PDB file of N, CA and C in Angstrom:
ATOM      1  N   UNK A   1     -34.405  17.897 -32.259  1.00  0.00           N
ATOM      2  CA  UNK A   1     -33.331  19.122 -31.708  1.00  0.00           C
ATOM      3  C   UNK A   1     -33.608  19.141 -30.325  1.00  0.00           C
ATOM      4  N   UNK A   2     -34.766  18.887 -29.762  1.00  0.00           N
ATOM      5  CA  UNK A   2     -35.352  18.813 -28.356  1.00  0.00           C
ATOM      6  C   UNK A   2     -34.204  17.948 -27.592  1.00  0.00           C
ATOM      7  N   UNK A   3     -34.271  16.990 -28.237  1.00  0.00           N
ATOM      8  CA  UNK A   3     -33.410  15.587 -27.532  1.00  0.00           C
ATOM      9  C   UNK A   3     -31.879  16.251 -27.673  1.00  0.00           C
ATOM     10  N   UNK A   4     -31.508  16.304 -28.641  1.00  0.00           N
ATOM     11  CA  UNK A   4     -30.003  17.194 -28.825  1.00  0.00           C
ATOM     12  C   UNK A   4     -29.767  18.075 -27.633  1.00  0.00           C
ATOM     13  N   UNK A   5     -30.633  19.131 -27.499  1.00  0.00           N
ATOM     14  CA  UNK A   5     -30.609  20.271 -26.397  1.00  0.00           C
ATOM     15  C   UNK A   5     -30.596  19.530 -25.004  1.00  0.00           C
ATOM     16  N   UNK A   6     -31.308  18.628 -24.719  1.00  0.00           N
ATOM     17  CA  UNK A   6     -31.381  18.105 -23.246  1.00  0.00           C
ATOM     18  C   UNK A   6     -30.257  17.461 -23.151  1.00  0.00           C
ATOM     19  N   UNK A   7     -29.605  16.665 -24.109  1.00  0.00           N
ATOM     20  CA  UNK A   7     -28.300  16.004 -24.171  1.00  0.00           C
ATOM     21  C   UNK A   7     -26.934  17.198 -23.730  1.00  0.00           C
ATOM     22  N   UNK A   8     -27.313  18.202 -24.286  1.00  0.00           N
ATOM     23  CA  UNK A   8     -26.072  19.130 -24.375  1.00  0.00           C
ATOM     24  C   UNK A   8     -26.564  19.870 -22.616  1.00  0.00           C
ATOM     25  N   UNK A   9     -27.553  20.036 -22.411  1.00  0.00           N
ATOM     26  CA  UNK A   9     -27.503  20.787 -21.174  1.00  0.00           C
ATOM     27  C   UNK A   9     -27.207  19.934 -19.968  1.00  0.00           C
ATOM     28  N   UNK A  10     -27.130  18.579 -20.086  1.00  0.00           N
ATOM     29  CA  UNK A  10     -26.539  17.863 -18.890  1.00  0.00           C
ATOM     30  C   UNK A  10     -25.104  17.801 -19.085  1.00  0.00           C
ATOM     31  N   UNK A  11     -24.690  18.043 -20.254  1.00  0.00           N
ATOM     32  CA  UNK A  11     -22.875  18.187 -20.406  1.00  0.00           C
ATOM     33  C   UNK A  11     -22.141  19.687 -19.961  1.00  0.00           C
ATOM     34  N   UNK A  12     -23.311  20.669 -19.753  1.00  0.00           N
ATOM     35  CA  UNK A  12     -23.178  22.073 -19.883  1.00  0.00           C
ATOM     36  C   UNK A  12     -22.231  22.820 -18.893  1.00  0.00           C
ATOM     37  N   UNK A  13     -22.507  21.719 -17.688  1.00  0.00           N
ATOM     38  CA  UNK A  13     -21.960  22.097 -16.353  1.00  0.00           C
ATOM     39  C   UNK A  13     -22.824  23.257 -15.602  1.00  0.00           C
ATOM     40  N   UNK A  14     -23.904  23.302 -15.886  1.00  0.00           N
ATOM     41  CA  UNK A  14     -24.902  23.618 -15.085  1.00  0.00           C
ATOM     42  C   UNK A  14     -25.623  25.071 -15.723  1.00  0.00           C
ATOM     43  N   UNK A  15     -25.152  25.253 -16.748  1.00  0.00           N
ATOM     44  CA  UNK A  15     -25.327  26.338 -18.174  1.00  0.00           C
ATOM     45  C   UNK A  15     -26.795  25.985 -18.641  1.00  0.00           C
ATOM     46  N   UNK A  16     -27.870  26.553 -18.485  1.00  0.00           N
ATOM     47  CA  UNK A  16     -29.160  26.479 -19.246  1.00  0.00           C
ATOM     48  C   UNK A  16     -28.968  26.386 -20.736  1.00  0.00           C
ATOM     49  N   UNK A  17     -29.399  25.559 -21.567  1.00  0.00           N
ATOM     50  CA  UNK A  17     -29.134  25.500 -22.890  1.00  0.00           C
ATOM     51  C   UNK A  17     -30.570  25.744 -23.556  1.00  0.00           C
ATOM     52  N   UNK A  18     -30.808  26.331 -24.623  1.00  0.00           N
ATOM     53  CA  UNK A  18     -31.948  27.080 -25.210  1.00  0.00           C
ATOM     54  C   UNK A  18     -31.969  26.673 -26.717  1.00  0.00           C
ATOM     55  N   UNK A  19     -32.916  25.974 -27.349  1.00  0.00           N
ATOM     56  CA  UNK A  19     -32.917  25.749 -28.792  1.00  0.00           C
ATOM     57  C   UNK A  19     -33.815  26.963 -29.369  1.00  0.00           C
ATOM     58  N   UNK A  20     -33.191  27.432 -30.425  1.00  0.00           N
ATOM     59  CA  UNK A  20     -33.673  28.573 -30.946  1.00  0.00           C
ATOM     60  C   UNK A  20     -33.327  28.236 -32.769  1.00  0.00           C
ATOM     61  N   UNK A  21     -33.306  27.253 -32.768  1.00  0.00           N
ATOM     62  CA  UNK A  21     -33.363  26.759 -34.206  1.00  0.00           C
ATOM     63  C   UNK A  21     -34.672  26.593 -34.883  1.00  0.00           C
ATOM     64  N   UNK A  22     -35.833  26.508 -34.309  1.00  0.00           N
ATOM     65  CA  UNK A  22     -37.047  26.167 -34.691  1.00  0.00           C
ATOM     66  C   UNK A  22     -37.024  25.044 -35.530  1.00  0.00           C
ATOM     67  N   UNK A  23     -35.785  24.187 -35.721  1.00  0.00           N
ATOM     68  CA  UNK A  23     -36.019  22.674 -36.435  1.00  0.00           C
ATOM     69  C   UNK A  23     -36.954  21.756 -35.499  1.00  0.00           C
ATOM     70  N   UNK A  24     -37.585  21.022 -36.347  1.00  0.00           N
ATOM     71  CA  UNK A  24     -38.411  19.991 -35.718  1.00  0.00           C
ATOM     72  C   UNK A  24     -37.992  18.785 -36.659  1.00  0.00           C
ATOM     73  N   UNK A  25     -38.658  17.647 -35.621  1.00  0.00           N
ATOM     74  CA  UNK A  25     -38.105  16.246 -36.502  1.00  0.00           C
ATOM     75  C   UNK A  25     -37.259  15.760 -35.755  1.00  0.00           C
ATOM     76  N   UNK A  26     -36.503  14.659 -36.091  1.00  0.00           N
ATOM     77  CA  UNK A  26     -35.520  13.786 -35.683  1.00  0.00           C
ATOM     78  C   UNK A  26     -34.280  14.055 -37.190  1.00  0.00           C
ATOM     79  N   UNK A  27     -33.176  14.138 -36.686  1.00  0.00           N
ATOM     80  CA  UNK A  27     -31.773  14.023 -37.276  1.00  0.00           C
ATOM     81  C   UNK A  27     -30.773  13.200 -36.740  1.00  0.00           C
ATOM     82  N   UNK A  28     -30.125  12.863 -37.943  1.00  0.00           N
ATOM     83  CA  UNK A  28     -29.021  12.077 -37.450  1.00  0.00           C
ATOM     84  C   UNK A  28     -27.548  12.760 -37.956  1.00  0.00           C
ATOM     85  N   UNK A  29     -26.767  13.012 -36.991  1.00  0.00           N
ATOM     86  CA  UNK A  29     -25.641  13.760 -37.518  1.00  0.00           C
ATOM     87  C   UNK A  29     -24.645  13.221 -36.481  1.00  0.00           C
ATOM     88  N   UNK A  30     -22.972  13.537 -36.991  1.00  0.00           N
ATOM     89  CA  UNK A  30     -21.959  13.519 -36.024  1.00  0.00           C
ATOM     90  C   UNK A  30     -21.484  14.673 -35.365  1.00  0.00           C
ATOM     91  N   UNK A  31     -21.048  14.751 -34.115  1.00  0.00           N
ATOM     92  CA  UNK A  31     -20.646  16.031 -34.060  1.00  0.00           C
ATOM     93  C   UNK A  31     -19.361  15.847 -33.155  1.00  0.00           C
ATOM     94  N   UNK A  32     -18.131  16.383 -33.932  1.00  0.00           N
ATOM     95  CA  UNK A  32     -16.744  16.031 -33.487  1.00  0.00           C
ATOM     96  C   UNK A  32     -16.323  16.567 -32.117  1.00  0.00           C
ATOM     97  N   UNK A  33     -15.708  15.797 -31.700  1.00  0.00           N
ATOM     98  CA  UNK A  33     -14.870  16.597 -30.045  1.00  0.00           C
ATOM     99  C   UNK A  33     -13.477  17.114 -30.526  1.00  0.00           C
ATOM    100  N   UNK A  34     -13.293  18.178 -29.831  1.00  0.00           N
ATOM    101  CA  UNK A  34     -12.053  18.798 -30.202  1.00  0.00           C
ATOM    102  C   UNK A  34     -11.325  18.882 -29.033  1.00  0.00           C
ATOM    103  N   UNK A  35     -10.514  18.087 -28.607  1.00  0.00           N
ATOM    104  CA  UNK A  35      -9.510  18.120 -27.301  1.00  0.00           C
ATOM    105  C   UNK A  35      -8.916  19.035 -27.115  1.00  0.00           C
ATOM    106  N   UNK A  36      -8.792  19.815 -26.355  1.00  0.00           N
ATOM    107  CA  UNK A  36      -7.544  20.708 -25.718  1.00  0.00           C
ATOM    108  C   UNK A  36      -6.168  20.222 -26.008  1.00  0.00           C
ATOM    109  N   UNK A  37      -5.501  20.932 -26.597  1.00  0.00           N
ATOM    110  CA  UNK A  37      -4.009  20.448 -26.652  1.00  0.00           C
ATOM    111  C   UNK A  37      -3.494  20.462 -25.400  1.00  0.00           C
ATOM    112  N   UNK A  38      -3.714  21.109 -24.470  1.00  0.00           N
ATOM    113  CA  UNK A  38      -2.970  21.160 -23.063  1.00  0.00           C
ATOM    114  C   UNK A  38      -3.582  20.191 -22.244  1.00  0.00           C
ATOM    115  N   UNK A  39      -4.412  19.585 -22.587  1.00  0.00           N
ATOM    116  CA  UNK A  39      -5.342  18.491 -21.588  1.00  0.00           C
ATOM    117  C   UNK A  39      -4.706  17.137 -21.206  1.00  0.00           C
ATOM    118  N   UNK A  40      -4.385  16.847 -20.111  1.00  0.00           N
ATOM    119  CA  UNK A  40      -3.938  15.483 -19.482  1.00  0.00           C
ATOM    120  C   UNK A  40      -5.036  14.511 -19.668  1.00  0.00           C
ATOM    121  N   UNK A  41      -6.148  14.913 -19.892  1.00  0.00           N
ATOM    122  CA  UNK A  41      -7.470  14.024 -19.741  1.00  0.00           C
ATOM    123  C   UNK A  41      -7.475  13.201 -21.163  1.00  0.00           C
ATOM    124  N   UNK A  42      -8.014  12.056 -21.017  1.00  0.00           N
ATOM    125  CA  UNK A  42      -8.257  11.062 -22.226  1.00  0.00           C
ATOM    126  C   UNK A  42      -9.313  11.644 -23.266  1.00  0.00           C
ATOM    127  N   UNK A  43      -9.415  11.567 -24.372  1.00  0.00           N
ATOM    128  CA  UNK A  43     -10.466  12.141 -25.446  1.00  0.00           C
ATOM    129  C   UNK A  43     -11.874  11.897 -24.888  1.00  0.00           C
ATOM    130  N   UNK A  44     -12.579  12.714 -25.008  1.00  0.00           N
ATOM    131  CA  UNK A  44     -13.995  12.592 -24.667  1.00  0.00           C
ATOM    132  C   UNK A  44     -14.212  13.147 -22.947  1.00  0.00           C
ATOM    133  N   UNK A  45     -13.283  13.138 -22.205  1.00  0.00           N
ATOM    134  CA  UNK A  45     -13.580  13.915 -21.141  1.00  0.00           C
ATOM    135  C   UNK A  45     -13.240  15.162 -20.889  1.00  0.00           C
ATOM    136  N   UNK A  46     -13.874  16.071 -19.750  1.00  0.00           N
ATOM    137  CA  UNK A  46     -13.579  17.362 -19.471  1.00  0.00           C
ATOM    138  C   UNK A  46     -13.559  17.280 -18.164  1.00  0.00           C
ATOM    139  N   UNK A  47     -12.537  18.433 -17.830  1.00  0.00           N
ATOM    140  CA  UNK A  47     -12.194  18.698 -16.315  1.00  0.00           C
ATOM    141  C   UNK A  47     -13.482  19.455 -15.769  1.00  0.00           C
ATOM    142  N   UNK A  48     -13.607  18.655 -14.695  1.00  0.00           N
ATOM    143  CA  UNK A  48     -15.183  19.425 -13.905  1.00  0.00           C
ATOM    144  C   UNK A  48     -14.911  20.779 -13.718  1.00  0.00           C
ATOM    145  N   UNK A  49     -13.832  21.049 -13.604  1.00  0.00           N
ATOM    146  CA  UNK A  49     -13.786  22.750 -13.483  1.00  0.00           C
ATOM    147  C   UNK A  49     -13.711  23.639 -14.420  1.00  0.00           C
ATOM    148  N   UNK A  50     -13.935  22.863 -16.140  1.00  0.00           N
ATOM    149  CA  UNK A  50     -13.826  23.755 -17.364  1.00  0.00           C
ATOM    150  C   UNK A  50     -15.014  24.773 -17.207  1.00  0.00           C
ATOM    151  N   UNK A  51     -14.816  25.965 -17.305  1.00  0.00           N
ATOM    152  CA  UNK A  51     -15.840  26.967 -17.270  1.00  0.00           C
ATOM    153  C   UNK A  51     -16.690  26.856 -18.715  1.00  0.00           C
ATOM    154  N   UNK A  52     -16.318  26.019 -19.798  1.00  0.00           N
ATOM    155  CA  UNK A  52     -17.166  26.104 -21.361  1.00  0.00           C
ATOM    156  C   UNK A  52     -16.832  24.580 -21.358  1.00  0.00           C
ATOM    157  N   UNK A  53     -17.589  23.663 -20.805  1.00  0.00           N
ATOM    158  CA  UNK A  53     -17.335  22.315 -21.353  1.00  0.00           C
ATOM    159  C   UNK A  53     -17.853  22.136 -22.686  1.00  0.00           C
ATOM    160  N   UNK A  54     -18.737  22.744 -23.065  1.00  0.00           N
ATOM    161  CA  UNK A  54     -19.430  22.653 -24.449  1.00  0.00           C
ATOM    162  C   UNK A  54     -18.419  23.429 -25.434  1.00  0.00           C
ATOM    163  N   UNK A  55     -17.426  23.789 -25.135  1.00  0.00           N
ATOM    164  CA  UNK A  55     -16.435  24.417 -26.059  1.00  0.00           C
ATOM    165  C   UNK A  55     -15.713  23.381 -26.717  1.00  0.00           C
ATOM    166  N   UNK A  56     -15.925  21.890 -26.588  1.00  0.00           N
ATOM    167  CA  UNK A  56     -14.943  20.803 -27.079  1.00  0.00           C
ATOM    168  C   UNK A  56     -15.775  20.257 -28.055  1.00  0.00           C
ATOM    169  N   UNK A  57     -17.007  21.036 -28.638  1.00  0.00           N
ATOM    170  CA  UNK A  57     -17.569  20.283 -29.717  1.00  0.00           C
ATOM    171  C   UNK A  57     -17.547  21.350 -30.465  1.00  0.00           C
ATOM    172  N   UNK A  58     -17.201  20.672 -31.864  1.00  0.00           N
ATOM    173  CA  UNK A  58     -17.498  21.652 -33.168  1.00  0.00           C
ATOM    174  C   UNK A  58     -18.668  21.745 -33.720  1.00  0.00           C
ATOM    175  N   UNK A  59     -19.277  22.725 -33.058  1.00  0.00           N
ATOM    176  CA  UNK A  59     -20.902  22.911 -33.532  1.00  0.00           C
ATOM    177  C   UNK A  59     -20.895  23.804 -35.102  1.00  0.00           C
ATOM    178  N   UNK A  60     -19.631  24.666 -35.168  1.00  0.00           N
ATOM    179  CA  UNK A  60     -19.683  25.180 -36.422  1.00  0.00           C
ATOM    180  C   UNK A  60     -19.790  24.185 -37.794  1.00  0.00           C
ATOM    181  N   UNK A  61     -19.253  23.209 -37.455  1.00  0.00           N
ATOM    182  CA  UNK A  61     -19.275  21.914 -38.388  1.00  0.00           C
ATOM    183  C   UNK A  61     -20.553  21.513 -39.068  1.00  0.00           C
ATOM    184  N   UNK A  62     -21.657  21.570 -37.976  1.00  0.00           N
ATOM    185  CA  UNK A  62     -22.790  21.296 -38.151  1.00  0.00           C
ATOM    186  C   UNK A  62     -23.827  22.386 -38.916  1.00  0.00           C
ATOM    187  N   UNK A  63     -23.165  23.805 -39.047  1.00  0.00           N
ATOM    188  CA  UNK A  63     -23.945  24.982 -39.157  1.00  0.00           C
ATOM    189  C   UNK A  63     -24.597  25.565 -38.246  1.00  0.00           C
ATOM    190  N   UNK A  64     -24.245  25.067 -36.846  1.00  0.00           N
ATOM    191  CA  UNK A  64     -24.854  25.729 -35.356  1.00  0.00           C
ATOM    192  C   UNK A  64     -24.200  26.816 -34.670  1.00  0.00           C
ATOM    193  N   UNK A  65     -24.466  27.698 -34.117  1.00  0.00           N
ATOM    194  CA  UNK A  65     -23.956  28.690 -33.419  1.00  0.00           C
ATOM    195  C   UNK A  65     -24.323  28.552 -32.116  1.00  0.00           C
ATOM    196  N   UNK A  66     -23.445  28.767 -31.047  1.00  0.00           N
ATOM    197  CA  UNK A  66     -23.727  28.991 -29.720  1.00  0.00           C
ATOM    198  C   UNK A  66     -23.574  30.526 -29.279  1.00  0.00           C
ATOM    199  N   UNK A  67     -24.646  31.145 -28.740  1.00  0.00           N
ATOM    200  CA  UNK A  67     -24.617  32.759 -28.750  1.00  0.00           C
ATOM    201  C   UNK A  67     -25.199  32.751 -27.156  1.00  0.00           C
ATOM    202  N   UNK A  68     -24.509  33.241 -26.259  1.00  0.00           N
ATOM    203  CA  UNK A  68     -24.677  33.416 -24.681  1.00  0.00           C
ATOM    204  C   UNK A  68     -26.044  34.732 -24.706  1.00  0.00           C
ATOM    205  N   UNK A  69     -27.295  34.254 -24.029  1.00  0.00           N
ATOM    206  CA  UNK A  69     -28.354  35.031 -24.153  1.00  0.00           C
ATOM    207  C   UNK A  69     -28.603  35.290 -22.639  1.00  0.00           C
ATOM    208  N   UNK A  70     -29.335  36.221 -22.541  1.00  0.00           N
ATOM    209  CA  UNK A  70     -29.665  36.594 -20.804  1.00  0.00           C
ATOM    210  C   UNK A  70     -31.336  35.846 -20.910  1.00  0.00           C
ATOM    211  N   UNK A  71     -31.553  35.136 -19.847  1.00  0.00           N
ATOM    212  CA  UNK A  71     -32.466  34.276 -19.953  1.00  0.00           C
ATOM    213  C   UNK A  71     -33.376  34.919 -18.282  1.00  0.00           C
ATOM    214  N   UNK A  72     -34.449  35.075 -18.300  1.00  0.00           N
ATOM    215  CA  UNK A  72     -35.214  35.706 -17.076  1.00  0.00           C
ATOM    216  C   UNK A  72     -34.995  34.174 -15.952  1.00  0.00           C
ATOM    217  N   UNK A  73     -34.676  34.342 -14.770  1.00  0.00           N
ATOM    218  CA  UNK A  73     -34.959  33.182 -13.865  1.00  0.00           C
ATOM    219  C   UNK A  73     -35.376  33.684 -12.565  1.00  0.00           C
ATOM    220  N   UNK A  74     -36.027  32.978 -11.992  1.00  0.00           N
ATOM    221  CA  UNK A  74     -36.600  33.334 -10.676  1.00  0.00           C
ATOM    222  C   UNK A  74     -35.470  33.225  -9.359  1.00  0.00           C
ATOM    223  N   UNK A  75     -35.716  34.280  -8.625  1.00  0.00           N
ATOM    224  CA  UNK A  75     -34.691  34.179  -7.405  1.00  0.00           C
ATOM    225  C   UNK A  75     -35.375  34.227  -6.119  1.00  0.00           C
ATOM    226  N   UNK A  76     -34.684  33.429  -5.422  1.00  0.00           N
ATOM    227  CA  UNK A  76     -35.268  33.685  -3.912  1.00  0.00           C
ATOM    228  C   UNK A  76     -34.369  34.244  -2.990  1.00  0.00           C
ATOM    229  N   UNK A  77     -35.010  35.478  -2.518  1.00  0.00           N
ATOM    230  CA  UNK A  77     -34.002  36.467  -1.585  1.00  0.00           C
ATOM    231  C   UNK A  77     -34.627  36.170   0.046  1.00  0.00           C
ATOM    232  N   UNK A  78     -33.582  35.402   0.981  1.00  0.00           N
ATOM    233  CA  UNK A  78     -34.296  35.528   2.367  1.00  0.00           C
ATOM    234  C   UNK A  78     -33.397  36.712   2.930  1.00  0.00           C
ATOM    235  N   UNK A  79     -34.540  37.579   3.467  1.00  0.00           N
ATOM    236  CA  UNK A  79     -34.308  38.837   3.917  1.00  0.00           C
ATOM    237  C   UNK A  79     -34.267  38.711   5.526  1.00  0.00           C
ATOM    238  N   UNK A  80     -34.410  37.600   6.367  1.00  0.00           N
ATOM    239  CA  UNK A  80     -34.271  37.875   7.498  1.00  0.00           C
ATOM    240  C   UNK A  80     -34.666  36.229   8.145  1.00  0.00           C
ATOM    241  N   UNK A  81     -33.871  35.726   8.965  1.00  0.00           N
ATOM    242  CA  UNK A  81     -34.188  34.564   9.646  1.00  0.00           C
ATOM    243  C   UNK A  81     -33.879  34.411  10.952  1.00  0.00           C
ATOM    244  N   UNK A  82     -34.463  33.360  11.774  1.00  0.00           N
ATOM    245  CA  UNK A  82     -34.431  33.438  13.106  1.00  0.00           C
ATOM    246  C   UNK A  82     -34.578  32.062  13.588  1.00  0.00           C
ATOM    247  N   UNK A  83     -33.650  31.644  14.376  1.00  0.00           N
ATOM    248  CA  UNK A  83     -33.678  30.430  15.325  1.00  0.00           C
ATOM    249  C   UNK A  83     -35.124  30.154  15.626  1.00  0.00           C
ATOM    250  N   UNK A  84     -35.695  28.818  15.587  1.00  0.00           N
ATOM    251  CA  UNK A  84     -37.136  28.392  16.063  1.00  0.00           C
ATOM    252  C   UNK A  84     -37.101  28.179  17.616  1.00  0.00           C
ATOM    253  N   UNK A  85     -37.971  28.862  18.239  1.00  0.00           N
ATOM    254  CA  UNK A  85     -37.988  29.047  19.710  1.00  0.00           C
ATOM    255  C   UNK A  85     -38.696  27.522  20.028  1.00  0.00           C
ATOM    256  N   UNK A  86     -37.690  27.220  21.584  1.00  0.00           N
ATOM    257  CA  UNK A  86     -37.933  25.880  21.849  1.00  0.00           C
ATOM    258  C   UNK A  86     -39.232  25.455  22.486  1.00  0.00           C
ATOM    259  N   UNK A  87     -39.717  24.339  21.952  1.00  0.00           N
ATOM    260  CA  UNK A  87     -41.162  23.760  22.312  1.00  0.00           C
ATOM    261  C   UNK A  87     -41.136  23.718  23.959  1.00  0.00           C
TER     262      UNK A  87
END
């Protein structure tokens, strides 16, 4: 499942994916593609501006569920900046 989650993370448009299945080992399965009916793109391609690119996969057919959760993240805050002085 770790390899599967890594692959999904690359296709998620920058959204982090976390495996919470608890499944270990290797699995062989087929994940169906669900094409948007109003898409002009060829099957298997996603618009780069699609807010949820993973919505085109039929996870439910595999008994998997996608659930948005809050994850802690590091944040860098710059509260002051100055131009460097000339040498």
